[in-house]
Amino acid sequence: MSVLNVEDLRVTYTTKGGDVPAVRGVSFSIDRGEVLGLAGESGCGKSTIAGAILRLHSPGTKIEGTLELEGEDILALTPGRLRAVRWTGASIIFQGALHALNPVQKIGDQIEEAIQVHGMATQKEAAVRAGALLEQVGLPPRRKDDYPHELSGGQKQRVMIAMALACSPTLVIADEPTTALDVMVQAQVLTLLRSLQHDLGLAMLFITHDLSVLVDVSDRLAIMYAGKIVEEGKASEVFHAPQHPYTAALAAAFPEIGDARFRHKPTGLGGDPPDPQQIPSGCPFHPRCDRAIDACKTVVPELWDAGSDRRAACVHVAGAPSLESVIS
């Protein structure tokens, strides 16, 4: 049984300007000890999925489909059971530790609070556990008496990781955990995350827009565009041999240091993802795609076979049906 099973997930925000379909039918699963990387530009629905898994969205948000954590229906949980599942069943590492940590509370107290609220230890045991967690993420246990402002950005992010592990969850969601960090610290935090995930046998959903980060930490990749997954497969294969034009554009957006070609002619992808309220007809990527043909304007692609354990939502992949049969 998968730790996390997501089937046909649809998340719609209710706004004064009308309904906003942020996630439009997403399916995936994560097994124990596996890391699934979720990539895509800002606005593609990645963090919306993270919020749906832990039911962090406002009451007016419509969440449809199947969300199962170790076989338990997340959408059917009572408020009391939901509080118990958060941190013990699934936890999250937020993007900005600066905003996620309480500035007037010592970091040790913040870690201990999660442990005690879930009845996993006495106050004394929780204090010992907090020190051990800080040591596990590379910080001296004595730092538990510090306030957030006394720590660097990388140290605060390590505290967030310690908090996510405090109640021994089976699933950890890492939502852009290194975006606000400099390159050197980012590498250290990524190495730490991957090491802890491997040692503890965690299932992990790693979310970022940076495809080069995901290929180093993930077992599988799922690429999102306009609220849907457009390609999925083994991480190295998706990154080095993308089958969807959008994935190829994301992979090409990262320059090779020292290569003059990238300095004189930067690669990238023009334009922006579509407004969720104004998704183009056919393939939503076709207005930005250099491989688009007339059929792309009308054919709504599905995740077709694109090789061994590979799927891509593009009419050009090998497993796509003939255009005549799709159009008819």
Protein backbone atom coordinates (compact mmCIF):
# COMPACT_ATOMS: atom_id res chain seq x y z
CA MET A 1 0.00 0.00 0.00
CA SER A 2 1.26 3.47 -0.90
CA VAL A 3 1.85 5.96 1.91
CA LEU A 4 0.07 8.65 -0.11
CA ASN A 5 -2.47 8.02 -2.84
CA VAL A 6 -3.88 10.92 -4.86
CA GLU A 7 -6.48 10.30 -7.56
CA ASP A 8 -8.20 12.88 -9.77
CA LEU A 9 -7.53 15.69 -7.30
CA ARG A 10 -9.31 18.92 -8.14
CA VAL A 11 -8.91 22.08 -6.06
CA THR A 12 -10.99 25.16 -6.79
CA TYR A 13 -10.64 28.49 -4.99
CA THR A 14 -13.72 30.66 -4.53
CA THR A 15 -13.00 34.36 -5.14
CA LYS A 16 -14.98 37.52 -5.79
CA GLY A 17 -13.97 37.19 -9.43
CA GLY A 18 -15.38 33.68 -9.68
CA ASP A 19 -14.10 30.14 -9.18
CA VAL A 20 -10.39 29.51 -9.81
CA PRO A 21 -9.57 25.89 -10.77
CA ALA A 22 -5.99 25.69 -9.47
CA VAL A 23 -5.63 21.89 -9.70
CA ARG A 24 -7.51 20.11 -12.48
CA GLY A 25 -7.38 16.34 -12.07
CA VAL A 26 -4.02 15.24 -10.67
CA SER A 27 -3.16 11.63 -9.77
CA PHE A 28 0.00 10.15 -8.23
CA SER A 29 1.16 7.92 -5.38
CA ILE A 30 4.23 7.81 -3.14
CA ASP A 31 5.55 4.62 -1.57
CA ARG A 32 7.43 4.33 1.70
CA GLY A 33 11.05 5.41 1.29
CA GLU A 34 10.34 7.14 -2.05
CA VAL A 35 10.78 10.79 -3.04
CA LEU A 36 8.45 12.27 -5.65
CA GLY A 37 9.58 15.60 -7.06
CA LEU A 38 6.84 17.99 -8.19
CA ALA A 39 8.06 20.75 -10.51
CA GLY A 40 6.61 23.60 -12.51
CA GLU A 41 6.48 27.37 -12.73
CA SER A 42 4.79 29.49 -10.09
CA GLY A 43 1.03 29.30 -10.44
CA CYS A 44 0.91 25.73 -11.77
CA GLY A 45 -0.74 24.30 -8.63
CA LYS A 46 2.17 22.67 -6.77
CA SER A 47 1.69 24.30 -3.37
CA THR A 48 -2.07 24.00 -3.74
CA ILE A 49 -1.61 20.22 -3.77
CA ALA A 50 0.52 20.40 -0.61
CA GLY A 51 -2.16 22.43 1.13
CA ALA A 52 -4.88 20.00 0.05
CA ILE A 53 -3.01 16.99 1.45
CA LEU A 54 -2.92 18.58 4.91
CA ARG A 55 -6.23 20.41 4.44
CA LEU A 56 -4.68 23.80 5.05
CA HIS A 57 -6.90 25.71 2.62
CA SER A 58 -9.64 28.10 3.71
CA PRO A 59 -13.14 26.64 4.27
CA GLY A 60 -14.45 28.05 0.99
CA THR A 61 -11.99 26.00 -1.09
CA LYS A 62 -13.54 23.07 -2.94
CA ILE A 63 -11.41 19.90 -2.82
CA GLU A 64 -12.58 16.91 -4.86
CA GLY A 65 -11.12 13.52 -5.68
CA THR A 66 -9.28 10.96 -3.56
CA LEU A 67 -6.64 11.78 -0.94
CA GLU A 68 -5.52 8.80 1.12
CA LEU A 69 -2.74 8.74 3.72
CA GLU A 70 -1.86 5.15 4.59
CA GLY A 71 -5.31 4.11 3.43
CA GLU A 72 -7.18 6.75 5.45
CA ASP A 73 -9.44 9.20 3.61
CA ILE A 74 -8.00 12.65 4.39
CA LEU A 75 -11.06 14.49 3.10
CA ALA A 76 -13.33 12.56 5.49
CA LEU A 77 -11.29 13.22 8.66
CA THR A 78 -12.99 14.93 11.57
CA PRO A 79 -11.28 18.08 12.92
CA GLY A 80 -9.94 16.13 15.89
CA ARG A 81 -8.56 13.32 13.78
CA LEU A 82 -7.09 15.83 11.33
CA ARG A 83 -5.15 17.52 14.14
CA ALA A 84 -3.81 14.12 15.16
CA VAL A 85 -2.73 13.24 11.61
CA ARG A 86 -0.89 16.52 11.05
CA TRP A 87 2.75 16.15 12.13
CA THR A 88 2.31 12.48 13.14
CA GLY A 89 1.07 11.12 9.81
CA ALA A 90 2.20 13.91 7.50
CA SER A 91 4.22 17.06 8.16
CA ILE A 92 5.40 19.97 6.05
CA ILE A 93 8.57 22.02 5.67
CA PHE A 94 7.48 25.47 4.56
CA GLN A 95 9.35 27.67 2.11
CA GLY A 96 10.12 30.56 4.44
CA ALA A 97 11.31 29.55 7.91
CA LEU A 98 11.51 33.26 8.76
CA HIS A 99 7.71 33.49 8.56
CA ALA A 100 6.91 29.97 9.81
CA LEU A 101 8.75 30.25 13.14
CA ASN A 102 7.36 32.21 16.09
CA PRO A 103 9.80 35.13 16.59
CA VAL A 104 9.09 35.48 20.32
CA GLN A 105 9.39 31.80 21.24
CA LYS A 106 12.60 29.82 21.67
CA ILE A 107 13.11 27.26 18.93
CA GLY A 108 13.34 24.42 21.43
CA ASP A 109 9.93 25.33 22.85
CA GLN A 110 8.44 25.35 19.35
CA ILE A 111 9.72 21.84 18.63
CA GLU A 112 8.69 20.56 22.06
CA GLU A 113 5.18 21.97 21.65
CA ALA A 114 4.43 19.75 18.66
CA ILE A 115 5.63 16.67 20.55
CA GLN A 116 3.61 17.45 23.68
CA VAL A 117 0.42 18.46 21.87
CA HIS A 118 0.33 15.02 20.28
CA GLY A 119 0.95 13.31 23.61
CA MET A 120 4.15 11.66 22.46
CA ALA A 121 6.29 12.57 25.49
CA THR A 122 6.37 14.32 28.83
CA GLN A 123 7.76 17.86 29.05
CA LYS A 124 11.17 16.57 30.14
CA GLU A 125 11.24 13.88 27.44
CA ALA A 126 10.16 16.41 24.82
CA ALA A 127 13.08 18.68 25.78
CA VAL A 128 15.52 15.80 25.34
CA ARG A 129 13.88 14.90 22.02
CA ALA A 130 14.16 18.51 20.79
CA GLY A 131 17.88 18.58 21.52
CA ALA A 132 18.37 15.25 19.73
CA LEU A 133 16.44 16.50 16.69
CA LEU A 134 18.55 19.64 16.45
CA GLU A 135 21.68 17.50 16.60
CA GLN A 136 20.22 15.26 13.89
CA VAL A 137 19.88 18.24 11.55
CA GLY A 138 23.38 19.51 12.28
CA LEU A 139 22.78 22.06 15.04
CA PRO A 140 24.20 21.88 18.60
CA PRO A 141 21.47 20.94 21.12
CA ARG A 142 22.28 24.11 23.11
CA ARG A 143 20.76 26.17 20.27
CA LYS A 144 17.29 25.13 21.44
CA ASP A 145 17.45 28.09 23.85
CA ASP A 146 17.93 30.55 20.98
CA TYR A 147 15.26 32.69 19.37
CA PRO A 148 14.78 32.57 15.56
CA HIS A 149 16.47 35.95 15.03
CA GLU A 150 19.67 34.53 16.52
CA LEU A 151 19.95 31.96 13.72
CA SER A 152 21.01 32.32 10.08
CA GLY A 153 18.63 31.50 7.24
CA GLY A 154 20.10 28.04 6.76
CA GLN A 155 19.96 27.32 10.49
CA LYS A 156 16.30 28.36 10.64
CA GLN A 157 15.54 26.01 7.76
CA ARG A 158 17.23 23.19 9.68
CA VAL A 159 14.97 23.99 12.62
CA MET A 160 11.96 23.65 10.31
CA ILE A 161 13.23 20.24 9.23
CA ALA A 162 13.64 19.22 12.88
CA MET A 163 10.05 20.31 13.57
CA ALA A 164 8.79 18.31 10.60
CA LEU A 165 10.48 15.20 12.00
CA ALA A 166 9.46 15.81 15.61
CA CYS A 167 6.48 13.43 15.65
CA SER A 168 8.01 10.75 13.39
CA PRO A 169 5.67 11.16 10.40
CA THR A 170 5.52 8.71 7.52
CA LEU A 171 5.19 11.48 4.91
CA VAL A 172 7.10 14.76 4.74
CA ILE A 173 6.08 17.50 2.31
CA ALA A 174 8.97 19.83 1.45
CA ASP A 175 7.44 22.91 -0.20
CA GLU A 176 10.24 24.97 -1.79
CA PRO A 177 12.45 24.36 1.29
CA THR A 178 15.62 25.88 -0.19
CA THR A 179 14.36 28.70 -2.41
CA ALA A 180 15.27 31.48 0.04
CA LEU A 181 18.79 30.14 0.68
CA ASP A 182 22.07 30.92 -1.04
CA VAL A 183 23.62 28.25 -3.28
CA MET A 184 26.10 26.84 -0.75
CA VAL A 185 23.56 26.58 2.07
CA GLN A 186 21.00 25.18 -0.36
CA ALA A 187 23.36 22.33 -1.22
CA GLN A 188 23.92 21.57 2.47
CA VAL A 189 20.18 21.50 3.25
CA LEU A 190 19.44 19.30 0.23
CA THR A 191 22.12 16.83 1.27
CA LEU A 192 20.71 16.81 4.79
CA LEU A 193 17.15 16.23 3.59
CA ARG A 194 18.12 13.39 1.31
CA SER A 195 20.23 11.77 4.02
CA LEU A 196 17.46 11.98 6.63
CA GLN A 197 14.86 10.72 4.17
CA HIS A 198 17.02 7.71 3.32
CA ASP A 199 17.99 6.93 6.92
CA LEU A 200 14.43 7.23 8.27
CA GLY A 201 12.71 5.57 5.30
CA LEU A 202 10.37 8.52 4.81
CA ALA A 203 8.00 9.05 1.94
CA MET A 204 8.58 12.59 0.67
CA LEU A 205 6.86 15.00 -1.69
CA PHE A 206 9.48 17.56 -2.74
CA ILE A 207 8.06 20.67 -4.41
CA THR A 208 10.10 23.27 -6.28
CA HIS A 209 10.31 25.15 -9.56
CA ASP A 210 13.99 24.21 -9.83
CA LEU A 211 14.23 21.04 -11.91
CA SER A 212 17.98 20.75 -11.35
CA VAL A 213 17.39 20.48 -7.59
CA LEU A 214 14.76 17.78 -7.98
CA VAL A 215 16.86 15.49 -10.15
CA ASP A 216 19.41 15.19 -7.33
CA VAL A 217 16.95 14.38 -4.55
CA SER A 218 14.01 12.61 -6.24
CA ASP A 219 13.33 9.07 -7.37
CA ARG A 220 10.51 10.14 -9.69
CA LEU A 221 9.47 13.47 -11.19
CA ALA A 222 6.06 14.84 -12.00
CA ILE A 223 5.96 18.04 -14.06
CA MET A 224 2.95 20.33 -13.65
CA TYR A 225 1.52 22.91 -16.00
CA ALA A 226 -1.79 24.77 -15.72
CA GLY A 227 -3.02 22.63 -12.85
CA LYS A 228 -2.23 19.25 -14.42
CA ILE A 229 0.68 16.81 -14.57
CA VAL A 230 2.09 16.89 -18.10
CA GLU A 231 4.97 14.43 -17.69
CA GLU A 232 6.09 11.85 -15.15
CA GLY A 233 8.79 9.19 -14.87
CA LYS A 234 12.15 8.38 -13.32
CA ALA A 235 13.91 11.57 -12.25
CA SER A 236 17.10 11.24 -14.29
CA GLU A 237 15.23 10.22 -17.44
CA VAL A 238 12.72 13.05 -17.23
CA PHE A 239 15.46 15.63 -16.70
CA HIS A 240 17.98 14.37 -19.26
CA ALA A 241 15.54 13.09 -21.91
CA PRO A 242 12.28 15.06 -21.51
CA GLN A 243 9.36 13.98 -23.68
CA HIS A 244 7.12 17.01 -23.17
CA PRO A 245 8.19 20.37 -24.68
CA TYR A 246 7.44 22.12 -21.39
CA THR A 247 9.74 19.79 -19.46
CA ALA A 248 12.44 20.35 -22.07
CA ALA A 249 12.09 24.12 -21.66
CA LEU A 250 12.37 23.84 -17.86
CA ALA A 251 15.48 21.65 -18.13
CA ALA A 252 17.08 24.03 -20.65
CA ALA A 253 16.53 27.03 -18.39
CA PHE A 254 19.48 26.09 -16.17
CA PRO A 255 22.82 27.29 -17.61
CA GLU A 256 26.07 25.36 -17.43
CA ILE A 257 28.64 27.33 -15.46
CA GLY A 258 31.59 28.31 -17.67
CA ASP A 259 29.83 27.56 -20.96
CA ALA A 260 30.01 30.69 -23.15
CA ARG A 261 26.93 29.62 -25.12
CA PHE A 262 24.71 30.26 -22.12
CA ARG A 263 26.36 33.61 -21.34
CA HIS A 264 25.85 35.02 -24.83
CA LYS A 265 22.51 33.35 -25.55
CA PRO A 266 20.52 32.60 -22.39
CA THR A 267 17.91 29.89 -22.72
CA GLY A 268 14.49 30.04 -21.20
CA LEU A 269 10.79 30.07 -21.85
CA GLY A 270 8.94 33.20 -22.87
CA GLY A 271 5.60 34.20 -21.48
CA ASP A 272 3.76 32.98 -18.39
CA PRO A 273 1.51 30.07 -17.46
CA PRO A 274 -2.14 30.73 -18.33
CA ASP A 275 -4.63 32.27 -15.94
CA PRO A 276 -6.47 29.34 -14.29
CA GLN A 277 -9.75 31.02 -15.22
CA GLN A 278 -8.72 31.28 -18.87
CA ILE A 279 -7.09 27.97 -19.78
CA PRO A 280 -6.47 27.78 -23.57
CA SER A 281 -8.36 25.20 -25.59
CA GLY A 282 -6.62 21.96 -26.52
CA CYS A 283 -3.18 21.62 -24.98
CA PRO A 284 -2.80 24.49 -22.49
CA PHE A 285 0.90 24.80 -23.35
CA HIS A 286 0.42 25.25 -27.09
CA PRO A 287 0.58 29.11 -27.10
CA ARG A 288 4.17 28.91 -25.76
CA CYS A 289 5.28 25.72 -27.50
CA ASP A 290 7.72 25.76 -30.42
CA ARG A 291 6.52 22.28 -31.49
CA ALA A 292 2.83 23.14 -31.58
CA ILE A 293 0.79 22.04 -34.59
CA ASP A 294 -2.81 22.81 -35.51
CA ALA A 295 -4.10 19.77 -33.62
CA CYS A 296 -2.63 21.12 -30.36
CA LYS A 297 -5.22 23.89 -30.40
CA THR A 298 -8.11 21.43 -30.19
CA VAL A 299 -6.85 18.09 -28.84
CA VAL A 300 -6.81 17.85 -25.04
CA PRO A 301 -3.84 15.55 -24.37
CA GLU A 302 -3.85 12.80 -21.77
CA LEU A 303 -0.83 11.23 -20.09
CA TRP A 304 0.10 8.82 -22.86
CA ASP A 305 2.89 6.25 -22.89
CA ALA A 306 6.25 7.93 -23.57
CA GLY A 307 8.60 5.01 -22.88
CA SER A 308 9.38 2.62 -20.07
CA ASP A 309 7.63 3.92 -16.92
CA ARG A 310 7.21 7.28 -18.68
CA ARG A 311 4.07 9.22 -19.54
CA ALA A 312 3.61 12.61 -21.15
CA ALA A 313 0.59 14.68 -22.17
CA CYS A 314 1.72 15.56 -25.68
CA VAL A 315 0.51 14.52 -29.14
CA HIS A 316 4.14 13.98 -30.21
CA VAL A 317 4.94 11.13 -27.78
CA ALA A 318 5.17 7.58 -29.07
CA GLY A 319 2.13 6.31 -27.20
CA ALA A 320 -0.23 9.07 -28.34
CA PRO A 321 -3.11 7.88 -30.56
CA SER A 322 -3.22 8.97 -34.15
CA LEU A 323 -4.41 12.54 -34.58
CA GLU A 324 -7.23 11.38 -36.83
CA SER A 325 -8.68 9.12 -34.16
CA VAL A 326 -8.34 11.78 -31.42
CA ILE A 327 -9.91 14.55 -33.47
CA SER A 328 -12.77 12.37 -34.63
